[in-house]
C-alpha cells in the first residue's frame, strides 16, 4: 500500500468513525399520544416536523393513541419511552399496580386543568350541576369525565344519576337524539362533535369541571423510569424542544394545524383549528396555568388530586403524588415562559 493510498484509507476510516459517532449520539424516543391526530396533537407534531427534536439530537416517533389509559400502559410495558396522558389515569395505574417495575412518571404538565365537562342541551332544562339529580348521563366507561364524576358530584352536591355506556362515536349522537339528558367528555371534543351532529353551540350547556370546584390536573407528558434513569439528558432535551414548539403552536394555532394535516390528510382543517384553540383557551393558557406556570404543578393541589382520585377510582392503594410527578427534568423558567399575556 502506497503512502497516499494509506492516507486515503485512514481518512475514510476516520470519517466513517465520526459519522458513526454522530449517529450514535442521536437518541431514539418512541412517543405515544393519548388520542388520534387532532388539533391538540399539533403541540407534538410541530416540533417533530420542524426539526426541533432532531436539533436536540433526538429521533422522535410520534404515534396516535386510543386513550390515556392505553398510553400509560404502553409506557409501562416498555413499548414506548414517553407519552401524553391524563394525570388521573397515571395515578390510577400506579395505585392499582404498586409492584409494577416500570411505573410511568409525569414530568411536564400541559393541560393545567382537566378538559372534562358535563354537557347538555338547553331543552333538557339543565343549567347547573344541581339539575343533574335523577338525570340520565352517558359516556364511555373509560371516559375521564365519567371516571371523575364522583368528584364533581361531591363538590356540587349532586345526588343519584343514571349512567348509560356507549362507544365514543355514539356519545354525542345519543344526546342529540334525546336518548340521554347529558354527557361527560372533553369540552374541545364533545362540543365540536355536537355541532357536527346538528346542535348549535348556543343550544349547548357546558359545565366545565374546573369552573365547578374540581381542580384536577389534565394531561401531562409522562416517561418511563428506564429512560429517566438511563438518559436524563435526552428527556430534558425533549422537554426543551417541546416547549419551544408549544410556544409557536399557542401563538399561531392556524399555522400549526398544517402539521396535523401532514400526518392525517383527511382532517377538517377548520374544525381542528377550532379544537386546538379551545384546548389552548380552556386548559393550556388557563388562569390556573398562568398562576402556577406552564409545565409546573402546585404541590398542595397535586396532593388533593391524588386523594380525590384514590376515592373516586377506588384504587387498591392510595395514589402517591410524590411518585406520580417530578419536576427534575423541566426546562428553565425562561424556557417555560411560553404563555401569552391574558387578553
Protein backbone atom coordinates (compact mmCIF):
# COMPACT_ATOMS: atom_id res chain seq x y z
CA UNK A 1 0.00 0.00 0.00
CA UNK A 2 1.45 3.37 -1.00
CA UNK A 3 1.60 6.25 1.50
CA UNK A 4 -1.08 8.11 -0.49
CA UNK A 5 -3.40 5.07 -0.51
CA UNK A 6 -2.79 4.55 3.21
CA UNK A 7 -3.64 8.20 3.91
CA UNK A 8 -6.89 7.96 1.92
CA UNK A 9 -7.87 4.78 3.73
CA UNK A 10 -7.11 6.36 7.10
CA UNK A 11 -9.19 9.45 6.25
CA UNK A 12 -12.08 7.27 5.10
CA UNK A 13 -11.98 5.28 8.32
CA UNK A 14 -11.81 8.46 10.41
CA UNK A 15 -14.78 9.94 8.54
CA UNK A 16 -16.80 6.75 8.96
CA UNK A 17 -15.99 6.67 12.66
CA UNK A 18 -17.01 10.32 13.06
CA UNK A 19 -20.28 9.73 11.25
CA UNK A 20 -20.94 6.63 13.31
CA UNK A 21 -20.24 8.55 16.50
CA UNK A 22 -22.64 11.35 15.48
CA UNK A 23 -25.35 8.84 14.70
CA UNK A 24 -24.73 7.06 17.99
CA UNK A 25 -25.33 10.33 19.83
CA UNK A 26 -28.86 10.57 18.41
CA UNK A 27 -31.31 9.10 20.91
CA UNK A 28 -34.43 7.36 19.55
CA UNK A 29 -37.61 8.11 21.51
CA UNK A 30 -40.96 6.46 20.86
CA UNK A 31 -43.78 8.79 21.94
CA UNK A 32 -47.41 7.71 22.44
CA UNK A 33 -50.21 10.28 22.14
CA UNK A 34 -53.42 9.93 24.14
CA UNK A 35 -55.69 10.10 21.11
CA UNK A 36 -55.78 10.25 17.34
CA UNK A 37 -54.24 13.07 15.31
CA UNK A 38 -56.47 16.06 16.11
CA UNK A 39 -55.89 19.76 16.76
CA UNK A 40 -54.09 19.44 20.13
CA UNK A 41 -51.60 16.93 18.74
CA UNK A 42 -50.02 19.89 16.91
CA UNK A 43 -48.20 20.51 20.20
CA UNK A 44 -46.06 17.45 19.43
CA UNK A 45 -46.25 17.24 15.63
CA UNK A 46 -44.96 20.77 15.03
CA UNK A 47 -41.64 20.37 16.89
CA UNK A 48 -41.20 16.97 15.22
CA UNK A 49 -41.85 18.31 11.71
CA UNK A 50 -39.80 21.48 12.16
CA UNK A 51 -36.79 19.56 13.36
CA UNK A 52 -36.68 20.81 16.96
CA UNK A 53 -36.31 17.29 18.31
CA UNK A 54 -33.73 16.49 15.64
CA UNK A 55 -31.74 19.61 16.58
CA UNK A 56 -31.72 18.28 20.15
CA UNK A 57 -30.09 15.04 18.91
CA UNK A 58 -33.35 13.11 19.28
CA UNK A 59 -35.05 10.79 16.78
CA UNK A 60 -38.66 11.12 17.98
CA UNK A 61 -41.50 8.99 16.61
CA UNK A 62 -44.97 10.31 17.48
CA UNK A 63 -47.82 7.76 17.24
CA UNK A 64 -51.58 8.29 17.58
CA UNK A 65 -53.30 6.69 20.57
CA UNK A 66 -56.69 5.45 21.75
CA UNK A 67 -56.99 6.82 25.27
CA UNK A 68 -54.90 7.92 28.22
CA UNK A 69 -55.14 4.52 29.89
CA UNK A 70 -53.60 2.90 26.85
CA UNK A 71 -50.81 5.48 26.71
CA UNK A 72 -49.92 4.83 30.37
CA UNK A 73 -49.91 1.07 29.86
CA UNK A 74 -47.74 1.23 26.74
CA UNK A 75 -45.13 3.35 28.50
CA UNK A 76 -45.30 0.99 31.49
CA UNK A 77 -44.80 -2.02 29.21
CA UNK A 78 -41.67 -0.50 27.71
CA UNK A 79 -43.05 -0.40 24.18
CA UNK A 80 -42.93 3.41 24.38
CA UNK A 81 -40.40 5.62 26.15
CA UNK A 82 -42.65 8.61 26.72
CA UNK A 83 -46.26 9.62 26.20
CA UNK A 84 -49.10 12.07 26.75
CA UNK A 85 -51.80 11.05 29.21
CA UNK A 86 -54.31 12.20 31.79
CA UNK A 87 -52.61 12.50 35.17
CA UNK A 88 -55.56 10.78 36.85
CA UNK A 89 -55.03 7.72 34.62
CA UNK A 90 -51.36 7.64 35.61
CA UNK A 91 -52.19 7.93 39.32
CA UNK A 92 -54.75 5.15 38.98
CA UNK A 93 -52.22 2.85 37.27
CA UNK A 94 -49.62 3.46 39.95
CA UNK A 95 -52.09 2.91 42.79
CA UNK A 96 -53.51 -0.28 41.25
CA UNK A 97 -50.09 -1.68 40.31
CA UNK A 98 -47.86 -0.86 43.29
CA UNK A 99 -45.39 -3.64 42.41
CA UNK A 100 -45.09 -2.85 38.70
CA UNK A 101 -41.39 -2.50 37.85
CA UNK A 102 -41.77 0.34 35.32
CA UNK A 103 -44.45 2.74 36.58
CA UNK A 104 -44.59 5.87 34.36
CA UNK A 105 -43.99 9.29 35.92
CA UNK A 106 -45.43 12.68 34.90
CA UNK A 107 -42.65 15.15 34.09
CA UNK A 108 -44.37 18.19 32.49
CA UNK A 109 -47.93 19.46 32.92
CA UNK A 110 -49.55 20.51 29.63
CA UNK A 111 -53.30 20.63 30.40
CA UNK A 112 -53.21 22.50 33.71
CA UNK A 113 -56.94 21.85 34.12
CA UNK A 114 -58.90 18.77 33.24
CA UNK A 115 -60.80 19.30 29.96
CA UNK A 116 -63.72 17.28 31.36
CA UNK A 117 -67.18 18.84 31.35
CA UNK A 118 -70.80 17.87 31.68
CA UNK A 119 -72.70 18.91 28.56
CA UNK A 120 -76.43 19.06 27.94
CA UNK A 121 -78.85 20.69 25.54
CA UNK A 122 -80.78 23.68 26.88
CA UNK A 123 -84.09 21.98 26.11
CA UNK A 124 -83.27 19.46 28.85
CA UNK A 125 -83.69 22.17 31.47
CA UNK A 126 -80.19 21.51 32.83
CA UNK A 127 -78.40 24.78 33.58
CA UNK A 128 -76.39 23.95 36.73
CA UNK A 129 -74.97 20.87 38.47
CA UNK A 130 -77.96 20.51 40.83
CA UNK A 131 -80.19 19.97 37.81
CA UNK A 132 -78.41 16.66 37.13
CA UNK A 133 -80.13 14.92 40.06
CA UNK A 134 -82.05 11.91 38.75
CA UNK A 135 -81.00 12.52 35.13
CA UNK A 136 -79.67 10.05 32.57
CA UNK A 137 -75.99 10.63 31.82
CA UNK A 138 -73.99 8.94 29.10
CA UNK A 139 -70.31 8.36 28.35
CA UNK A 140 -67.93 5.52 27.52
CA UNK A 141 -66.96 3.64 30.68
CA UNK A 142 -63.34 4.78 30.35
CA UNK A 143 -64.16 8.46 29.78
CA UNK A 144 -62.10 10.69 32.09
CA UNK A 145 -65.12 12.84 32.93
CA UNK A 146 -67.23 9.84 33.82
CA UNK A 147 -64.46 8.34 35.95
CA UNK A 148 -64.04 11.62 37.82
CA UNK A 149 -67.77 12.39 38.06
CA UNK A 150 -67.94 11.34 41.75
CA UNK A 151 -65.53 14.21 42.49
CA UNK A 152 -67.72 16.64 40.52
CA UNK A 153 -70.85 15.29 42.20
CA UNK A 154 -69.38 15.64 45.70
CA UNK A 155 -68.17 19.19 45.04
CA UNK A 156 -71.60 20.23 43.78
CA UNK A 157 -73.89 18.09 45.98
CA UNK A 158 -75.26 16.16 43.02
CA UNK A 159 -77.33 13.15 44.06
CA UNK A 160 -78.07 9.97 42.15
CA UNK A 161 -77.76 9.86 38.36
CA UNK A 162 -78.31 7.01 35.89
CA UNK A 163 -75.42 6.08 33.61
CA UNK A 164 -75.59 4.72 30.07
CA UNK A 165 -72.42 3.36 28.46
CA UNK A 166 -71.66 3.57 24.75
CA UNK A 167 -68.79 3.62 22.30
CA UNK A 168 -67.22 7.09 21.85
CA UNK A 169 -68.76 7.83 18.39
CA UNK A 170 -72.29 7.36 19.79
CA UNK A 171 -71.99 9.68 22.80
CA UNK A 172 -72.99 12.97 21.15
CA UNK A 173 -75.43 11.25 18.78
CA UNK A 174 -77.40 9.83 21.71
CA UNK A 175 -77.55 13.26 23.39
CA UNK A 176 -78.85 14.94 20.22
CA UNK A 177 -81.44 12.16 19.76
CA UNK A 178 -82.63 12.64 23.34
CA UNK A 179 -81.70 9.13 24.50
CA UNK A 180 -79.82 10.68 27.44
CA UNK A 181 -80.06 14.01 29.26
CA UNK A 182 -76.37 14.89 29.48
CA UNK A 183 -72.90 13.57 28.69
CA UNK A 184 -69.40 13.86 30.09
CA UNK A 185 -66.44 14.44 27.83
CA UNK A 186 -63.59 16.75 26.96
CA UNK A 187 -65.07 20.14 26.10
CA UNK A 188 -62.96 20.61 22.98
CA UNK A 189 -64.02 17.19 21.72
CA UNK A 190 -67.70 16.81 22.58
CA UNK A 191 -68.78 20.41 21.93
CA UNK A 192 -67.50 20.27 18.36
CA UNK A 193 -68.92 16.77 17.88
CA UNK A 194 -72.33 18.03 18.97
CA UNK A 195 -72.16 20.80 16.40
CA UNK A 196 -71.20 18.26 13.74
CA UNK A 197 -74.40 16.38 14.63
CA UNK A 198 -76.63 19.41 14.14
CA UNK A 199 -76.64 21.09 17.55
CA UNK A 200 -75.93 24.81 17.71
CA UNK A 201 -73.23 25.93 20.13
CA UNK A 202 -75.73 28.37 21.62
CA UNK A 203 -78.04 25.45 22.49
CA UNK A 204 -75.39 23.54 24.44
CA UNK A 205 -74.94 23.97 28.19
CA UNK A 206 -71.34 23.34 29.24
CA UNK A 207 -70.44 22.75 32.90
CA UNK A 208 -66.61 22.57 32.99
CA UNK A 209 -65.29 20.65 35.97
CA UNK A 210 -62.64 23.33 36.52
CA UNK A 211 -65.35 26.01 36.89
CA UNK A 212 -67.32 23.97 39.42
CA UNK A 213 -64.85 23.20 42.16
CA UNK A 214 -62.92 20.34 40.56
CA UNK A 215 -59.28 21.41 40.19
CA UNK A 216 -57.94 18.18 38.74
CA UNK A 217 -54.91 18.43 36.51
CA UNK A 218 -55.36 17.17 32.95
CA UNK A 219 -52.85 15.71 30.53
CA UNK A 220 -49.12 15.64 31.21
CA UNK A 221 -46.05 14.37 29.41
CA UNK A 222 -45.09 11.08 31.02
CA UNK A 223 -41.93 8.99 30.85
CA UNK A 224 -40.72 5.55 31.86
CA UNK A 225 -38.36 5.28 34.84
CA UNK A 226 -35.97 3.46 32.50
CA UNK A 227 -35.34 6.44 30.22
CA UNK A 228 -35.35 8.85 33.17
CA UNK A 229 -32.54 6.85 34.77
CA UNK A 230 -30.55 5.86 31.69
CA UNK A 231 -30.76 9.06 29.64
CA UNK A 232 -31.92 12.07 31.68
CA UNK A 233 -30.18 14.43 29.24
CA UNK A 234 -32.39 13.18 26.38
CA UNK A 235 -35.53 13.68 28.48
CA UNK A 236 -34.52 17.24 29.31
CA UNK A 237 -33.72 17.91 25.66
CA UNK A 238 -37.15 16.56 24.65
CA UNK A 239 -38.95 18.90 27.05
CA UNK A 240 -36.89 21.89 25.88
CA UNK A 241 -37.71 21.18 22.24
CA UNK A 242 -41.36 20.56 23.09
CA UNK A 243 -41.64 23.87 24.96
CA UNK A 244 -40.13 25.72 22.01
CA UNK A 245 -42.65 24.15 19.65
CA UNK A 246 -45.60 24.59 22.01
CA UNK A 247 -44.90 28.31 22.21
CA UNK A 248 -45.28 28.54 18.44
CA UNK A 249 -48.46 26.46 18.46
CA UNK A 250 -50.06 28.64 21.13
CA UNK A 251 -49.08 31.84 19.29
CA UNK A 252 -50.26 30.70 15.84
CA UNK A 253 -52.67 27.75 16.05
CA UNK A 254 -53.94 28.29 12.49
CA UNK A 255 -50.47 27.67 11.08
CA UNK A 256 -49.79 24.77 13.45
CA UNK A 257 -52.72 22.73 12.12
CA UNK A 258 -50.78 22.17 8.90
CA UNK A 259 -48.52 19.77 10.78
CA UNK A 260 -51.53 17.73 11.92
CA UNK A 261 -52.79 17.57 8.35
CA UNK A 262 -49.41 16.26 7.26
CA UNK A 263 -49.99 13.22 9.49
CA UNK A 264 -53.70 12.80 8.69
CA UNK A 265 -54.67 14.26 5.34
CA UNK A 266 -58.43 13.82 5.80
CA UNK A 267 -58.85 16.03 8.88
CA UNK A 268 -61.19 19.01 8.68
CA UNK A 269 -58.72 21.88 8.96
CA UNK A 270 -61.27 24.43 10.16
CA UNK A 271 -62.72 22.07 12.76
CA UNK A 272 -59.32 21.01 14.12
CA UNK A 273 -58.16 24.63 14.29
CA UNK A 274 -61.18 25.40 16.46
CA UNK A 275 -60.46 22.33 18.59
CA UNK A 276 -56.86 23.42 19.12
CA UNK A 277 -57.91 26.97 20.02
CA UNK A 278 -60.47 25.64 22.50
CA UNK A 279 -57.83 23.46 24.14
CA UNK A 280 -55.42 26.38 24.39
CA UNK A 281 -58.02 28.75 25.84
CA UNK A 282 -59.60 26.34 28.32
CA UNK A 283 -56.82 24.11 29.66
CA UNK A 284 -53.39 25.29 28.47
CA UNK A 285 -53.47 29.08 28.79
CA UNK A 286 -55.95 28.96 31.69
CA UNK A 287 -55.90 31.22 34.77
CA UNK A 288 -54.53 28.33 36.85
CA UNK A 289 -51.75 27.70 34.32
CA UNK A 290 -50.76 31.36 34.28
CA UNK A 291 -50.76 31.38 38.08
CA UNK A 292 -48.69 28.20 38.52
CA UNK A 293 -46.54 28.50 35.41
CA UNK A 294 -46.66 26.38 32.28
CA UNK A 295 -45.40 22.85 32.79
CA UNK A 296 -45.48 23.02 36.57
CA UNK A 297 -47.81 21.93 39.38
CA UNK A 298 -48.87 23.19 42.79
CA UNK A 299 -47.88 20.60 45.44
CA UNK A 300 -50.99 21.11 47.59
CA UNK A 301 -53.28 20.82 44.57
CA UNK A 302 -51.41 17.71 43.40
CA UNK A 303 -51.83 16.06 46.81
CA UNK A 304 -55.55 16.85 46.86
CA UNK A 305 -55.93 15.34 43.40
CA UNK A 306 -54.16 12.14 44.47
CA UNK A 307 -56.59 11.78 47.37
CA UNK A 308 -59.63 12.51 45.17
CA UNK A 309 -58.52 10.02 42.51
CA UNK A 310 -57.96 7.34 45.16
CA UNK A 311 -61.52 7.79 46.44
CA UNK A 312 -63.32 8.24 43.12
CA UNK A 313 -61.48 5.41 41.33
CA UNK A 314 -61.49 3.08 44.37
CA UNK A 315 -57.82 2.22 43.83
CA UNK A 316 -56.14 -0.76 45.51
CA UNK A 317 -53.66 1.52 47.28
CA UNK A 318 -53.66 5.29 47.81
CA UNK A 319 -52.28 7.34 44.92
CA UNK A 320 -48.97 8.94 45.90
CA UNK A 321 -48.32 12.43 44.48
CA UNK A 322 -44.59 12.04 45.17
CA UNK A 323 -44.25 9.05 42.85
CA UNK A 324 -46.68 10.38 40.22
CA UNK A 325 -44.81 13.60 39.50
CA UNK A 326 -41.29 15.00 39.31
CA UNK A 327 -40.10 18.45 38.22
CA UNK A 328 -36.47 17.33 37.97
CA UNK A 329 -36.40 17.36 34.16
CA UNK A 330 -38.21 20.63 33.47
CA UNK A 331 -36.54 23.32 31.36
CA UNK A 332 -35.53 26.65 32.86
CA UNK A 333 -38.12 29.24 33.90
CA UNK A 334 -37.25 31.30 30.82
CA UNK A 335 -37.83 28.30 28.52
CA UNK A 336 -41.17 27.59 30.22
CA UNK A 337 -42.33 31.16 29.79
CA UNK A 338 -44.44 30.35 26.73
CA UNK A 339 -47.93 31.52 27.65
CA UNK A 340 -49.14 34.79 26.13
CA UNK A 341 -50.39 37.54 28.42
CA UNK A 342 -54.06 37.46 29.36
CA UNK A 343 -56.20 39.07 26.69
